[in-house]
Amino acid sequence: MEQIEEEKMNFRFDADVQKLEAERLKKGKTKAEEDLDSLKTDYKKLRLSMRTTGLGKTSEQWRKEIR
């Protein structure tokens, strides 16, 4: 009987550990998604900035502009 109680306690402990691990992974995933969104926003701003300053032009576009 004592062994059964000990096993039950171990199962509860294992379940608690798994819940904490799942929570930690979920927080990590959320952080990664936020970082990705931030990078996408920064990339869009950079591309817009490049277009407005003319840095995004091809060599052909520069040749036409110079002529």
Protein backbone atom coordinates (compact mmCIF):
# COMPACT_ATOMS: atom_id res chain seq x y z
CA MET A 1 0.00 0.00 0.00
CA GLU A 2 2.85 2.35 0.86
CA GLN A 3 4.44 1.63 -2.51
CA ILE A 4 1.21 2.57 -4.31
CA GLU A 5 1.04 5.89 -2.46
CA GLU A 6 4.66 6.57 -3.34
CA GLU A 7 3.98 5.81 -7.02
CA LYS A 8 0.95 8.11 -7.00
CA MET A 9 3.07 10.89 -5.55
CA ASN A 10 5.74 10.29 -8.20
CA PHE A 11 3.10 10.46 -10.95
CA ARG A 12 1.81 13.76 -9.56
CA PHE A 13 5.35 15.08 -9.42
CA ASP A 14 5.99 13.99 -13.02
CA ALA A 15 2.75 15.65 -14.14
CA ASP A 16 3.72 18.90 -12.40
CA VAL A 17 7.15 18.83 -14.04
CA GLN A 18 5.58 18.26 -17.46
CA LYS A 19 3.14 21.14 -16.92
CA LEU A 20 5.99 23.47 -15.99
CA GLU A 21 8.01 22.36 -19.00
CA ALA A 22 5.04 22.92 -21.33
CA GLU A 23 4.52 26.37 -19.83
CA ARG A 24 8.18 27.24 -20.32
CA LEU A 25 8.10 26.07 -23.95
CA LYS A 26 4.92 28.05 -24.62
CA LYS A 27 6.53 31.22 -23.23
CA GLY A 28 9.60 30.59 -25.39
CA LYS A 29 7.45 30.13 -28.47
CA THR A 30 5.57 33.35 -27.74
CA LYS A 31 8.86 35.23 -27.33
CA ALA A 32 10.19 33.80 -30.61
CA GLU A 33 7.00 34.85 -32.43
CA GLU A 34 7.27 38.37 -30.99
CA ASP A 35 10.91 38.58 -32.08
CA LEU A 36 10.00 37.40 -35.58
CA ASP A 37 7.24 40.00 -35.85
CA SER A 38 9.68 42.69 -34.73
CA LEU A 39 12.24 41.58 -37.33
CA LYS A 40 9.60 41.64 -40.07
CA THR A 41 8.60 45.17 -39.07
CA ASP A 42 12.23 46.32 -39.03
CA TYR A 43 12.81 44.73 -42.45
CA LYS A 44 9.78 46.50 -43.93
CA LYS A 45 10.99 49.83 -42.52
CA LEU A 46 14.47 49.23 -43.94
CA ARG A 47 13.10 48.38 -47.39
CA LEU A 48 10.91 51.49 -47.37
CA SER A 49 13.87 53.61 -46.31
CA MET A 50 16.01 52.13 -49.07
CA ARG A 51 13.31 52.87 -51.65
CA THR A 52 12.86 56.47 -50.54
CA THR A 53 16.61 57.15 -50.56
CA GLY A 54 17.21 55.36 -53.85
CA LEU A 55 19.43 52.65 -52.42
CA GLY A 56 17.14 49.93 -53.72
CA LYS A 57 17.70 50.79 -57.37
CA THR A 58 19.22 48.35 -59.80
CA SER A 59 22.26 49.29 -61.87
CA GLU A 60 19.97 49.68 -64.90
CA GLN A 61 17.77 52.15 -63.01
CA TRP A 62 20.85 54.16 -62.00
CA ARG A 63 22.07 54.27 -65.62
CA LYS A 64 18.70 55.64 -66.78
CA GLU A 65 18.68 58.25 -64.02
CA ILE A 66 22.21 59.43 -64.80
CA ARG A 67 21.44 59.92 -68.52
